[in-house]
C-alpha atoms as a PDB file:
ATOM      1  CA  MET A   1      94.059  82.243 -15.077  1.00  0.00           C
ATOM      2  CA  PRO A   2      92.765  79.769 -12.492  1.00  0.00           C
ATOM      3  CA  ARG A   3      90.206  81.155 -10.073  1.00  0.00           C
ATOM      4  CA  MET A   4      90.387  78.338  -7.537  1.00  0.00           C
ATOM      5  CA  LEU A   5      91.618  79.507  -4.139  1.00  0.00           C
ATOM      6  CA  GLY A   6      94.609  77.656  -2.845  1.00  0.00           C
ATOM      7  CA  THR A   7      96.504  77.447  -6.122  1.00  0.00           C
ATOM      8  CA  LYS A   8      99.844  79.208  -6.320  1.00  0.00           C
ATOM      9  CA  VAL A   9      98.781  81.328  -9.305  1.00  0.00           C
ATOM     10  CA  ASP A  10      95.590  82.424  -7.583  1.00  0.00           C
ATOM     11  CA  THR A  11      97.374  83.134  -4.326  1.00  0.00           C
ATOM     12  CA  LEU A  12      99.808  85.450  -6.074  1.00  0.00           C
ATOM     13  CA  SER A  13      97.087  87.221  -8.074  1.00  0.00           C
ATOM     14  CA  THR A  14      94.947  87.627  -4.949  1.00  0.00           C
ATOM     15  CA  VAL A  15      97.891  89.080  -3.021  1.00  0.00           C
ATOM     16  CA  GLN A  16      98.658  91.417  -5.914  1.00  0.00           C
ATOM     17  CA  ARG A  17      95.035  92.638  -6.027  1.00  0.00           C
ATOM     18  CA  LEU A  18      94.953  93.165  -2.255  1.00  0.00           C
ATOM     19  CA  ILE A  19      98.186  95.175  -2.278  1.00  0.00           C
ATOM     20  CA  ALA A  20      97.012  97.181  -5.288  1.00  0.00           C
ATOM     21  CA  ASP A  21      93.727  97.990  -3.549  1.00  0.00           C
ATOM     22  CA  GLU A  22      95.411  98.904  -0.268  1.00  0.00           C
ATOM     23  CA  ALA A  23      98.194 100.995  -1.835  1.00  0.00           C
ATOM     24  CA  GLY A  24      96.176 102.532  -4.662  1.00  0.00           C
ATOM     25  CA  MET A  25      98.410 100.964  -7.289  1.00  0.00           C
ATOM     26  CA  ASP A  26      97.959  99.127 -10.559  1.00  0.00           C
ATOM     27  CA  VAL A  27      98.264  95.332 -10.304  1.00  0.00           C
ATOM     28  CA  LYS A  28     100.580  95.268 -13.338  1.00  0.00           C
ATOM     29  CA  ASP A  29     103.175  97.199 -11.303  1.00  0.00           C
ATOM     30  CA  LEU A  30     103.283  94.452  -8.658  1.00  0.00           C
ATOM     31  CA  ALA A  31     105.676  91.936 -10.195  1.00  0.00           C
ATOM     32  CA  PRO A  32     106.293  89.007  -7.820  1.00  0.00           C
ATOM     33  CA  GLY A  33     109.948  89.831  -7.196  1.00  0.00           C
ATOM     34  CA  ARG A  34     109.488  93.575  -6.630  1.00  0.00           C
ATOM     35  CA  GLN A  35     110.588  94.802  -3.237  1.00  0.00           C
ATOM     36  CA  LEU A  36     107.653  96.164  -1.241  1.00  0.00           C
ATOM     37  CA  GLU A  37     109.788  99.054  -0.023  1.00  0.00           C
ATOM     38  CA  GLU A  38     110.698  99.909  -3.624  1.00  0.00           C
ATOM     39  CA  LEU A  39     106.980  99.987  -4.429  1.00  0.00           C
ATOM     40  CA  GLY A  40     106.315 102.377  -1.542  1.00  0.00           C
ATOM     41  CA  VAL A  41     104.323  99.747   0.374  1.00  0.00           C
ATOM     42  CA  ASP A  42     105.064 100.380   4.041  1.00  0.00           C
ATOM     43  CA  SER A  43     104.708  97.991   6.967  1.00  0.00           C
ATOM     44  CA  LEU A  44     101.288  99.378   7.939  1.00  0.00           C
ATOM     45  CA  ARG A  45      99.916  98.595   4.484  1.00  0.00           C
ATOM     46  CA  VAL A  46     101.441  95.122   4.612  1.00  0.00           C
ATOM     47  CA  LEU A  47      99.732  94.591   7.969  1.00  0.00           C
ATOM     48  CA  GLU A  48      96.365  95.662   6.515  1.00  0.00           C
ATOM     49  CA  VAL A  49      96.871  93.251   3.603  1.00  0.00           C
ATOM     50  CA  MET A  50      97.728  90.459   6.052  1.00  0.00           C
ATOM     51  CA  PHE A  51      94.461  91.003   7.946  1.00  0.00           C
ATOM     52  CA  ARG A  52      92.528  90.769   4.686  1.00  0.00           C
ATOM     53  CA  ILE A  53      94.468  87.634   3.713  1.00  0.00           C
ATOM     54  CA  GLU A  54      93.490  85.989   7.006  1.00  0.00           C
ATOM     55  CA  ASP A  55      89.824  86.614   6.206  1.00  0.00           C
ATOM     56  CA  ILE A  56      89.977  85.568   2.558  1.00  0.00           C
ATOM     57  CA  PHE A  57      92.076  82.415   2.977  1.00  0.00           C
ATOM     58  CA  GLY A  58      90.870  81.455   6.455  1.00  0.00           C
ATOM     59  CA  VAL A  59      94.394  81.319   7.868  1.00  0.00           C
ATOM     60  CA  GLN A  60      96.109  82.935  10.833  1.00  0.00           C
ATOM     61  CA  MET A  61      99.392  84.736  10.389  1.00  0.00           C
ATOM     62  CA  PRO A  62     102.192  83.388  12.571  1.00  0.00           C
ATOM     63  CA  GLU A  63     102.909  85.275  15.783  1.00  0.00           C
ATOM     64  CA  GLU A  64     106.649  85.154  15.163  1.00  0.00           C
ATOM     65  CA  ARG A  65     108.063  87.705  12.774  1.00  0.00           C
ATOM     66  CA  VAL A  66     108.393  86.404   9.231  1.00  0.00           C
ATOM     67  CA  PRO A  67     110.645  88.303   6.813  1.00  0.00           C
ATOM     68  CA  ILE A  68     108.483  89.805   4.070  1.00  0.00           C
ATOM     69  CA  HIS A  69     110.327  91.782   1.407  1.00  0.00           C
ATOM     70  CA  THR A  70     108.515  91.070  -1.860  1.00  0.00           C
ATOM     71  CA  VAL A  71     105.044  90.426  -3.234  1.00  0.00           C
ATOM     72  CA  GLN A  72     106.095  86.797  -3.763  1.00  0.00           C
ATOM     73  CA  ASP A  73     107.171  86.495  -0.113  1.00  0.00           C
ATOM     74  CA  ILE A  74     103.586  87.223   0.930  1.00  0.00           C
ATOM     75  CA  ALA A  75     102.146  84.743  -1.600  1.00  0.00           C
ATOM     76  CA  ASP A  76     104.610  82.042  -0.478  1.00  0.00           C
ATOM     77  CA  LEU A  77     103.717  82.604   3.183  1.00  0.00           C
ATOM     78  CA  VAL A  78     100.001  82.297   2.373  1.00  0.00           C
ATOM     79  CA  ASP A  79     100.612  79.072   0.419  1.00  0.00           C
ATOM     80  CA  ARG A  80     102.509  77.608   3.399  1.00  0.00           C
ATOM     81  CA  LEU A  81      99.759  78.614   5.834  1.00  0.00           C
ATOM     82  CA  VAL A  82      97.024  77.169   3.602  1.00  0.00           C
ATOM     83  CA  ALA A  83      98.986  73.916   3.191  1.00  0.00           C
ATOM     84  CA  ARG A  84      99.539  73.682   6.947  1.00  0.00           C
ATOM     85  CA  LYS A  85      95.853  74.334   7.608  1.00  0.00           C
ATOM     86  CA  SER A  86      94.701  71.692   5.130  1.00  0.00           C
ATOM     87  CA  SER A  87      97.110  69.084   6.540  1.00  0.00           C
ATOM     88  CA  LYS A  88      95.488  69.313   9.991  1.00  0.00           C
END
């Protein structure tokens, strides 16, 4: 698996590891399409993951509310923020 930050595969695997660490879960249970609510990942845990993502990827989460329902939603948001940051 690629280890280079900024690739879609690495973004997803990083997000999965962060959620697993924060929620005390196994990464293999965090399939991209799984609903966070279904996994028992509440909004406070998502917020903690978002703070860690900001540090790791060097991005800032948008101030407006962005719908986040799945693990993949978080990875997609990070990819968009990284792309926006690198285009500046």
